[in-house]
Amino acid sequence: MLNIIDEESDNAFLRRKKKSVRTKFKPTQSQTIEEANLLCVWLIAVDRSDEAYDLLNSYAIEIPYDKNRPERWEATCKAILLLSYLED
């Protein structure tokens, strides 16, 4: 589901975060969605917006809707807002 690309230019911090998101991500858990969102923010901060866009595009729209899980809505909305920011 996730489109995480390992680059040779990744520092140790990004490598750890990418590995963590890759192994723990579940589209039904708001905490792991938030971790993926944070990874995207870090990628944007280090001027790798294209990589962040690809990652967001791979999961933001695919998260299952559940009316009883407002924390998942919030995490999903953050992902969609980041995606719309990058599409500008």
N, C-alpha and C. Protein backbone atom coordinates (compact mmCIF):
# COMPACT_ATOMS: atom_id res chain seq x y z
N MET A 1 0.82 -1.19 0.00
CA MET A 1 0.00 0.00 0.00
C MET A 1 0.87 1.26 0.00
N LEU A 2 1.90 1.29 0.82
CA LEU A 2 2.75 2.48 0.92
C LEU A 2 3.80 2.51 -0.17
N ASN A 3 4.05 3.70 -0.66
CA ASN A 3 5.08 3.89 -1.67
C ASN A 3 6.25 4.62 -1.02
N ILE A 4 7.06 3.88 -0.26
CA ILE A 4 8.23 4.46 0.41
C ILE A 4 9.47 4.07 -0.37
N ILE A 5 10.21 5.09 -0.79
CA ILE A 5 11.40 4.87 -1.59
C ILE A 5 12.63 5.13 -0.74
N ASP A 6 13.53 4.17 -0.69
CA ASP A 6 14.79 4.37 0.02
C ASP A 6 15.79 5.00 -0.93
N GLU A 7 16.37 6.10 -0.48
CA GLU A 7 17.36 6.82 -1.28
C GLU A 7 18.73 6.68 -0.64
N GLU A 8 19.76 6.69 -1.44
CA GLU A 8 21.12 6.64 -0.89
C GLU A 8 21.43 7.89 -0.07
N SER A 9 20.76 8.99 -0.39
CA SER A 9 21.00 10.24 0.32
C SER A 9 20.28 10.33 1.67
N ASP A 10 19.49 9.32 2.01
CA ASP A 10 18.78 9.32 3.31
C ASP A 10 19.78 9.29 4.45
N ASN A 11 19.56 10.16 5.43
CA ASN A 11 20.38 10.09 6.63
C ASN A 11 19.83 9.00 7.55
N ALA A 12 20.50 8.74 8.64
CA ALA A 12 20.10 7.66 9.56
C ALA A 12 18.70 7.89 10.11
N PHE A 13 18.37 9.13 10.40
CA PHE A 13 17.05 9.46 10.94
C PHE A 13 15.95 9.08 9.95
N LEU A 14 16.08 9.50 8.69
CA LEU A 14 15.07 9.17 7.68
C LEU A 14 14.99 7.68 7.42
N ARG A 15 16.12 7.00 7.41
CA ARG A 15 16.11 5.55 7.22
C ARG A 15 15.31 4.85 8.32
N ARG A 16 15.55 5.28 9.57
CA ARG A 16 14.82 4.69 10.71
C ARG A 16 13.32 4.96 10.60
N LYS A 17 12.96 6.19 10.28
CA LYS A 17 11.54 6.56 10.19
C LYS A 17 10.86 5.82 9.04
N LYS A 18 11.53 5.71 7.91
CA LYS A 18 10.93 4.99 6.78
C LYS A 18 10.72 3.52 7.12
N LYS A 19 11.70 2.93 7.77
CA LYS A 19 11.58 1.52 8.16
C LYS A 19 10.44 1.34 9.15
N SER A 20 10.34 2.23 10.12
CA SER A 20 9.29 2.16 11.13
C SER A 20 7.91 2.26 10.49
N VAL A 21 7.73 3.25 9.61
CA VAL A 21 6.43 3.42 8.95
C VAL A 21 6.13 2.22 8.07
N ARG A 22 7.11 1.75 7.34
CA ARG A 22 6.91 0.61 6.43
C ARG A 22 6.45 -0.63 7.19
N THR A 23 7.02 -0.88 8.37
CA THR A 23 6.69 -2.11 9.09
C THR A 23 5.44 -1.99 9.97
N LYS A 24 5.14 -0.80 10.46
CA LYS A 24 4.03 -0.64 11.41
C LYS A 24 2.73 -0.13 10.80
N PHE A 25 2.76 0.42 9.60
CA PHE A 25 1.59 1.10 9.04
C PHE A 25 0.40 0.17 8.88
N LYS A 26 -0.73 0.64 9.41
CA LYS A 26 -2.01 -0.04 9.22
C LYS A 26 -3.04 1.05 8.94
N PRO A 27 -3.77 0.95 7.85
CA PRO A 27 -4.72 2.01 7.50
C PRO A 27 -5.91 2.12 8.45
N THR A 28 -6.01 1.21 9.40
CA THR A 28 -7.11 1.27 10.36
C THR A 28 -6.67 1.81 11.72
N GLN A 29 -5.41 2.19 11.85
CA GLN A 29 -4.90 2.72 13.13
C GLN A 29 -4.44 4.15 12.95
N SER A 30 -5.08 5.05 13.68
CA SER A 30 -4.77 6.47 13.53
C SER A 30 -3.32 6.79 13.88
N GLN A 31 -2.76 6.11 14.86
CA GLN A 31 -1.38 6.40 15.27
C GLN A 31 -0.39 6.12 14.13
N THR A 32 -0.59 5.05 13.40
CA THR A 32 0.34 4.75 12.30
C THR A 32 0.12 5.69 11.12
N ILE A 33 -1.11 6.15 10.93
CA ILE A 33 -1.38 7.14 9.89
C ILE A 33 -0.66 8.44 10.24
N GLU A 34 -0.71 8.82 11.52
CA GLU A 34 -0.02 10.03 11.97
C GLU A 34 1.50 9.90 11.77
N GLU A 35 2.05 8.72 12.03
CA GLU A 35 3.48 8.51 11.81
C GLU A 35 3.86 8.68 10.34
N ALA A 36 3.01 8.17 9.46
CA ALA A 36 3.25 8.35 8.02
C ALA A 36 3.15 9.82 7.64
N ASN A 37 2.18 10.53 8.24
CA ASN A 37 2.04 11.96 7.99
C ASN A 37 3.30 12.71 8.42
N LEU A 38 3.83 12.35 9.59
CA LEU A 38 5.05 13.00 10.07
C LEU A 38 6.24 12.73 9.16
N LEU A 39 6.33 11.53 8.66
CA LEU A 39 7.40 11.21 7.71
C LEU A 39 7.29 12.13 6.49
N CYS A 40 6.08 12.35 6.02
CA CYS A 40 5.87 13.24 4.87
C CYS A 40 6.28 14.67 5.20
N VAL A 41 5.96 15.13 6.40
CA VAL A 41 6.36 16.48 6.81
C VAL A 41 7.89 16.59 6.83
N TRP A 42 8.56 15.58 7.36
CA TRP A 42 10.03 15.59 7.39
C TRP A 42 10.60 15.60 5.97
N LEU A 43 9.99 14.84 5.08
CA LEU A 43 10.45 14.84 3.69
C LEU A 43 10.28 16.21 3.05
N ILE A 44 9.17 16.87 3.34
CA ILE A 44 8.94 18.22 2.82
C ILE A 44 9.99 19.18 3.38
N ALA A 45 10.31 19.02 4.67
CA ALA A 45 11.28 19.90 5.32
C ALA A 45 12.67 19.79 4.73
N VAL A 46 13.02 18.61 4.23
CA VAL A 46 14.35 18.43 3.63
C VAL A 46 14.29 18.54 2.10
N ASP A 47 13.23 19.22 1.62
CA ASP A 47 13.08 19.54 0.20
C ASP A 47 12.96 18.30 -0.68
N ARG A 48 12.18 17.35 -0.22
CA ARG A 48 11.89 16.14 -1.01
C ARG A 48 10.38 15.99 -1.15
N SER A 49 9.76 17.06 -1.62
CA SER A 49 8.30 17.14 -1.73
C SER A 49 7.74 16.09 -2.69
N ASP A 50 8.46 15.78 -3.75
CA ASP A 50 7.97 14.78 -4.70
C ASP A 50 7.82 13.41 -4.04
N GLU A 51 8.79 13.08 -3.21
CA GLU A 51 8.74 11.80 -2.49
C GLU A 51 7.59 11.80 -1.49
N ALA A 52 7.39 12.93 -0.80
CA ALA A 52 6.28 13.04 0.16
C ALA A 52 4.94 12.94 -0.57
N TYR A 53 4.85 13.57 -1.73
CA TYR A 53 3.62 13.52 -2.51
C TYR A 53 3.28 12.08 -2.91
N ASP A 54 4.27 11.36 -3.40
CA ASP A 54 4.04 9.97 -3.81
C ASP A 54 3.60 9.11 -2.62
N LEU A 55 4.23 9.33 -1.48
CA LEU A 55 3.86 8.57 -0.29
C LEU A 55 2.44 8.90 0.14
N LEU A 56 2.11 10.18 0.25
CA LEU A 56 0.75 10.58 0.63
C LEU A 56 -0.28 10.04 -0.34
N ASN A 57 0.02 10.12 -1.61
CA ASN A 57 -0.90 9.66 -2.63
C ASN A 57 -1.15 8.15 -2.53
N SER A 58 -0.20 7.42 -1.97
CA SER A 58 -0.34 5.97 -1.88
C SER A 58 -1.25 5.52 -0.74
N TYR A 59 -1.50 6.40 0.25
CA TYR A 59 -2.34 5.95 1.35
C TYR A 59 -3.47 6.90 1.76
N ALA A 60 -3.37 8.17 1.50
CA ALA A 60 -4.33 9.14 2.04
C ALA A 60 -5.77 8.88 1.60
N ILE A 61 -5.95 8.53 0.37
CA ILE A 61 -7.30 8.34 -0.16
C ILE A 61 -7.82 6.92 0.14
N GLU A 62 -6.95 5.99 0.43
CA GLU A 62 -7.31 4.58 0.59
C GLU A 62 -7.72 4.20 2.02
N ILE A 63 -7.65 5.13 2.96
CA ILE A 63 -7.95 4.80 4.36
C ILE A 63 -9.45 4.56 4.49
N PRO A 64 -9.83 3.43 5.07
CA PRO A 64 -11.26 3.10 5.17
C PRO A 64 -11.99 4.04 6.13
N TYR A 65 -13.18 4.44 5.73
CA TYR A 65 -14.01 5.34 6.53
C TYR A 65 -14.78 4.55 7.58
N ASP A 66 -14.77 5.04 8.81
CA ASP A 66 -15.54 4.44 9.89
C ASP A 66 -16.09 5.58 10.73
N LYS A 67 -17.40 5.74 10.73
CA LYS A 67 -18.01 6.89 11.41
C LYS A 67 -17.78 6.88 12.92
N ASN A 68 -17.39 5.74 13.47
CA ASN A 68 -17.16 5.64 14.91
C ASN A 68 -15.70 5.87 15.31
N ARG A 69 -14.86 6.27 14.38
CA ARG A 69 -13.43 6.47 14.65
C ARG A 69 -12.98 7.89 14.29
N PRO A 70 -13.37 8.89 15.10
CA PRO A 70 -13.01 10.28 14.77
C PRO A 70 -11.51 10.54 14.76
N GLU A 71 -10.73 9.77 15.54
CA GLU A 71 -9.27 9.97 15.53
C GLU A 71 -8.68 9.55 14.18
N ARG A 72 -9.29 8.57 13.53
CA ARG A 72 -8.84 8.17 12.20
C ARG A 72 -9.21 9.25 11.18
N TRP A 73 -10.39 9.87 11.35
CA TRP A 73 -10.80 10.96 10.47
C TRP A 73 -9.77 12.08 10.53
N GLU A 74 -9.38 12.43 11.76
CA GLU A 74 -8.43 13.53 11.95
C GLU A 74 -7.09 13.23 11.26
N ALA A 75 -6.58 12.04 11.46
CA ALA A 75 -5.31 11.66 10.84
C ALA A 75 -5.44 11.66 9.31
N THR A 76 -6.55 11.17 8.81
CA THR A 76 -6.79 11.14 7.37
C THR A 76 -6.91 12.55 6.80
N CYS A 77 -7.60 13.41 7.52
CA CYS A 77 -7.75 14.80 7.07
C CYS A 77 -6.40 15.49 6.99
N LYS A 78 -5.53 15.23 7.95
CA LYS A 78 -4.18 15.82 7.91
C LYS A 78 -3.43 15.34 6.68
N ALA A 79 -3.55 14.06 6.37
CA ALA A 79 -2.89 13.51 5.18
C ALA A 79 -3.42 14.17 3.91
N ILE A 80 -4.73 14.33 3.82
CA ILE A 80 -5.34 14.94 2.64
C ILE A 80 -4.96 16.41 2.54
N LEU A 81 -4.88 17.11 3.67
CA LEU A 81 -4.45 18.51 3.65
C LEU A 81 -3.01 18.65 3.17
N LEU A 82 -2.14 17.76 3.65
CA LEU A 82 -0.75 17.77 3.17
C LEU A 82 -0.69 17.51 1.67
N LEU A 83 -1.49 16.56 1.22
CA LEU A 83 -1.53 16.23 -0.20
C LEU A 83 -2.01 17.43 -1.01
N SER A 84 -3.03 18.12 -0.55
CA SER A 84 -3.52 19.29 -1.29
C SER A 84 -2.50 20.43 -1.27
N TYR A 85 -1.76 20.56 -0.17
CA TYR A 85 -0.69 21.56 -0.09
C TYR A 85 0.37 21.30 -1.17
N LEU A 86 0.72 20.03 -1.33
CA LEU A 86 1.75 19.67 -2.31
C LEU A 86 1.26 19.78 -3.75
N GLU A 87 -0.04 19.69 -3.96
CA GLU A 87 -0.57 19.78 -5.32
C GLU A 87 -0.63 21.20 -5.82
N ASP A 88 -0.43 22.17 -4.96
CA ASP A 88 -0.49 23.58 -5.35
C ASP A 88 0.57 23.96 -6.32
